[in-house]
N, C-alpha and C. Protein backbone atom coordinates (compact mmCIF):
# COMPACT_ATOMS: atom_id res chain seq x y z
N UNK A 1 -2.70 -32.78 -35.19
CA UNK A 1 -1.89 -31.88 -35.99
C UNK A 1 -0.39 -32.09 -35.76
N UNK A 2 -0.04 -32.52 -34.58
CA UNK A 2 1.38 -32.67 -34.24
C UNK A 2 1.97 -33.96 -34.79
N UNK A 3 1.13 -34.93 -35.06
CA UNK A 3 1.61 -36.24 -35.48
C UNK A 3 2.13 -37.08 -34.33
N UNK A 4 2.00 -36.56 -33.12
CA UNK A 4 2.44 -37.31 -31.93
C UNK A 4 1.35 -38.25 -31.47
N UNK A 5 1.72 -39.34 -30.83
CA UNK A 5 0.70 -40.25 -30.29
C UNK A 5 -0.15 -39.55 -29.23
N UNK A 6 -1.38 -39.92 -29.15
CA UNK A 6 -2.32 -39.32 -28.20
C UNK A 6 -1.81 -39.30 -26.77
N UNK A 7 -1.21 -40.39 -26.25
CA UNK A 7 -0.71 -40.34 -24.88
C UNK A 7 0.36 -39.27 -24.66
N UNK A 8 1.19 -39.04 -25.68
CA UNK A 8 2.22 -38.00 -25.57
C UNK A 8 1.58 -36.63 -25.53
N UNK A 9 0.59 -36.40 -26.37
CA UNK A 9 -0.13 -35.12 -26.37
C UNK A 9 -0.77 -34.90 -25.01
N UNK A 10 -1.38 -35.93 -24.47
CA UNK A 10 -2.02 -35.82 -23.15
C UNK A 10 -0.99 -35.47 -22.08
N UNK A 11 0.18 -36.10 -22.13
CA UNK A 11 1.23 -35.80 -21.16
C UNK A 11 1.65 -34.34 -21.25
N UNK A 12 1.88 -33.88 -22.47
CA UNK A 12 2.31 -32.50 -22.67
C UNK A 12 1.27 -31.51 -22.16
N UNK A 13 0.00 -31.80 -22.40
CA UNK A 13 -1.06 -30.90 -21.96
C UNK A 13 -1.31 -31.00 -20.46
N UNK A 14 -1.12 -32.18 -19.91
CA UNK A 14 -1.46 -32.38 -18.50
C UNK A 14 -0.40 -31.83 -17.55
N UNK A 15 0.76 -31.45 -18.07
CA UNK A 15 1.79 -30.88 -17.20
C UNK A 15 1.31 -29.56 -16.62
N UNK A 16 0.38 -28.90 -17.31
CA UNK A 16 -0.09 -27.60 -16.85
C UNK A 16 0.93 -26.51 -17.06
N UNK A 17 2.01 -26.85 -17.74
CA UNK A 17 3.08 -25.88 -17.93
C UNK A 17 3.08 -25.28 -19.32
N UNK A 18 3.60 -24.08 -19.38
CA UNK A 18 3.67 -23.35 -20.64
C UNK A 18 4.60 -24.02 -21.65
N UNK A 19 5.69 -24.61 -21.17
CA UNK A 19 6.64 -25.23 -22.10
C UNK A 19 6.02 -26.40 -22.84
N UNK A 20 5.27 -27.24 -22.15
CA UNK A 20 4.63 -28.38 -22.80
C UNK A 20 3.69 -27.94 -23.90
N UNK A 21 2.90 -26.93 -23.62
CA UNK A 21 1.97 -26.41 -24.62
C UNK A 21 2.72 -25.77 -25.78
N UNK A 22 3.78 -25.04 -25.47
CA UNK A 22 4.57 -24.39 -26.51
C UNK A 22 5.21 -25.41 -27.43
N UNK A 23 5.76 -26.46 -26.85
CA UNK A 23 6.38 -27.52 -27.64
C UNK A 23 5.35 -28.21 -28.53
N UNK A 24 4.18 -28.46 -27.99
CA UNK A 24 3.12 -29.09 -28.76
C UNK A 24 2.68 -28.18 -29.92
N UNK A 25 2.58 -26.90 -29.68
CA UNK A 25 2.22 -25.95 -30.74
C UNK A 25 3.29 -25.93 -31.82
N UNK A 26 4.56 -25.94 -31.41
CA UNK A 26 5.66 -25.94 -32.37
C UNK A 26 5.60 -27.19 -33.24
N UNK A 27 5.40 -28.32 -32.58
CA UNK A 27 5.33 -29.60 -33.31
C UNK A 27 4.15 -29.61 -34.27
N UNK A 28 3.11 -28.86 -33.94
CA UNK A 28 1.92 -28.78 -34.79
C UNK A 28 2.06 -27.72 -35.87
N UNK A 29 3.23 -27.09 -35.93
CA UNK A 29 3.54 -26.05 -36.91
C UNK A 29 2.64 -24.82 -36.79
N UNK A 30 2.28 -24.50 -35.56
CA UNK A 30 1.49 -23.32 -35.28
C UNK A 30 2.42 -22.15 -34.97
N UNK A 31 1.92 -20.96 -35.14
CA UNK A 31 2.73 -19.78 -34.84
C UNK A 31 2.92 -19.64 -33.33
N UNK A 32 3.91 -18.87 -32.95
CA UNK A 32 4.14 -18.62 -31.53
C UNK A 32 2.99 -17.82 -30.95
N UNK A 33 2.38 -16.97 -31.75
CA UNK A 33 1.21 -16.22 -31.29
C UNK A 33 0.09 -17.19 -30.92
N UNK A 34 -0.11 -18.21 -31.74
CA UNK A 34 -1.12 -19.22 -31.44
C UNK A 34 -0.73 -20.00 -30.19
N UNK A 35 0.55 -20.29 -30.04
CA UNK A 35 1.01 -20.99 -28.84
C UNK A 35 0.68 -20.19 -27.59
N UNK A 36 0.86 -18.88 -27.65
CA UNK A 36 0.50 -18.03 -26.51
C UNK A 36 -1.00 -18.08 -26.24
N UNK A 37 -1.80 -18.05 -27.28
CA UNK A 37 -3.25 -18.13 -27.11
C UNK A 37 -3.67 -19.46 -26.47
N UNK A 38 -3.04 -20.54 -26.90
CA UNK A 38 -3.36 -21.85 -26.34
C UNK A 38 -2.94 -21.91 -24.87
N UNK A 39 -1.76 -21.37 -24.58
CA UNK A 39 -1.32 -21.33 -23.18
C UNK A 39 -2.36 -20.62 -22.30
N UNK A 40 -2.80 -19.48 -22.79
CA UNK A 40 -3.73 -18.64 -22.03
C UNK A 40 -5.11 -19.27 -21.91
N UNK A 41 -5.66 -19.71 -23.03
CA UNK A 41 -7.06 -20.13 -23.07
C UNK A 41 -7.29 -21.61 -22.77
N UNK A 42 -6.50 -22.47 -23.31
CA UNK A 42 -6.68 -23.90 -23.08
C UNK A 42 -5.92 -24.34 -21.82
N UNK A 43 -4.69 -23.87 -21.70
CA UNK A 43 -3.85 -24.28 -20.58
C UNK A 43 -4.09 -23.49 -19.31
N UNK A 44 -4.76 -22.34 -19.45
CA UNK A 44 -5.01 -21.48 -18.28
C UNK A 44 -3.71 -21.15 -17.54
N UNK A 45 -2.65 -20.94 -18.32
CA UNK A 45 -1.36 -20.58 -17.75
C UNK A 45 -1.42 -19.10 -17.35
N UNK A 46 -1.00 -18.80 -16.15
CA UNK A 46 -0.98 -17.42 -15.68
C UNK A 46 0.03 -16.62 -16.50
N UNK A 47 -0.27 -15.37 -16.73
CA UNK A 47 0.55 -14.52 -17.59
C UNK A 47 2.02 -14.52 -17.19
N UNK A 48 2.31 -14.53 -15.92
CA UNK A 48 3.71 -14.46 -15.48
C UNK A 48 4.49 -15.75 -15.76
N UNK A 49 3.79 -16.83 -16.04
CA UNK A 49 4.44 -18.12 -16.31
C UNK A 49 4.44 -18.50 -17.79
N UNK A 50 3.85 -17.68 -18.63
CA UNK A 50 3.75 -18.00 -20.05
C UNK A 50 5.10 -17.92 -20.75
N UNK A 51 5.28 -18.79 -21.74
CA UNK A 51 6.43 -18.70 -22.65
C UNK A 51 6.01 -17.69 -23.71
N UNK A 52 6.79 -16.64 -23.86
CA UNK A 52 6.45 -15.55 -24.78
C UNK A 52 7.30 -15.58 -26.05
N UNK A 53 6.72 -15.05 -27.10
CA UNK A 53 7.42 -14.95 -28.38
C UNK A 53 8.58 -13.96 -28.26
N UNK A 54 9.56 -14.14 -29.11
CA UNK A 54 10.64 -13.16 -29.20
C UNK A 54 10.09 -11.88 -29.83
N UNK A 55 10.89 -10.86 -29.88
CA UNK A 55 10.46 -9.60 -30.51
C UNK A 55 10.05 -9.80 -31.95
N UNK A 56 10.66 -10.79 -32.58
CA UNK A 56 10.35 -11.08 -33.99
C UNK A 56 9.13 -11.97 -34.14
N UNK A 57 8.53 -12.38 -33.01
CA UNK A 57 7.35 -13.24 -33.06
C UNK A 57 7.68 -14.72 -33.19
N UNK A 58 8.93 -15.07 -32.97
CA UNK A 58 9.38 -16.45 -33.12
C UNK A 58 9.32 -17.19 -31.79
N UNK A 59 9.51 -18.50 -31.88
CA UNK A 59 9.60 -19.33 -30.69
C UNK A 59 10.89 -18.97 -29.95
N UNK A 60 10.83 -18.80 -28.62
CA UNK A 60 12.02 -18.42 -27.88
C UNK A 60 12.94 -19.60 -27.54
N UNK A 61 12.46 -20.80 -27.76
CA UNK A 61 13.24 -22.00 -27.46
C UNK A 61 13.95 -22.45 -28.73
N UNK A 62 15.17 -22.95 -28.58
CA UNK A 62 15.88 -23.47 -29.76
C UNK A 62 15.25 -24.80 -30.17
N UNK A 63 15.48 -25.16 -31.41
CA UNK A 63 14.93 -26.43 -31.91
C UNK A 63 15.49 -27.61 -31.11
N UNK A 64 16.75 -27.54 -30.73
CA UNK A 64 17.33 -28.64 -29.96
C UNK A 64 16.70 -28.73 -28.56
N UNK A 65 16.38 -27.59 -27.96
CA UNK A 65 15.67 -27.60 -26.67
C UNK A 65 14.28 -28.21 -26.80
N UNK A 66 13.60 -27.84 -27.87
CA UNK A 66 12.26 -28.37 -28.11
C UNK A 66 12.32 -29.88 -28.33
N UNK A 67 13.28 -30.33 -29.14
CA UNK A 67 13.42 -31.76 -29.40
C UNK A 67 13.76 -32.52 -28.12
N UNK A 68 14.60 -31.94 -27.26
CA UNK A 68 14.93 -32.58 -25.99
C UNK A 68 13.67 -32.71 -25.14
N UNK A 69 12.89 -31.64 -25.07
CA UNK A 69 11.66 -31.64 -24.28
C UNK A 69 10.70 -32.70 -24.81
N UNK A 70 10.58 -32.79 -26.11
CA UNK A 70 9.72 -33.82 -26.73
C UNK A 70 10.23 -35.22 -26.38
N UNK A 71 11.52 -35.41 -26.45
CA UNK A 71 12.09 -36.70 -26.13
C UNK A 71 11.84 -37.11 -24.70
N UNK A 72 11.79 -36.15 -23.82
CA UNK A 72 11.53 -36.42 -22.41
C UNK A 72 10.12 -36.98 -22.21
N UNK A 73 9.17 -36.54 -23.03
CA UNK A 73 7.78 -36.97 -22.89
C UNK A 73 7.37 -38.09 -23.82
N UNK A 74 8.27 -38.52 -24.70
CA UNK A 74 7.90 -39.62 -25.60
C UNK A 74 8.59 -40.90 -25.22
């Protein structure tokens, strides 16, 4: 769904971190609510470490931050 190469997706998921999962969800054009669900259920990220949606339900990271994070893993 993200259009990223499989090795990049694996890297993002294998970090075990909420940011990697959140960035992958964003790239896949999923909602932030879905990103939270993936963090919790697939990533097994503890609640205190999760990246949470803003009050408006949006991604809390800026697009430039997300792109930088993606560039780091690609």
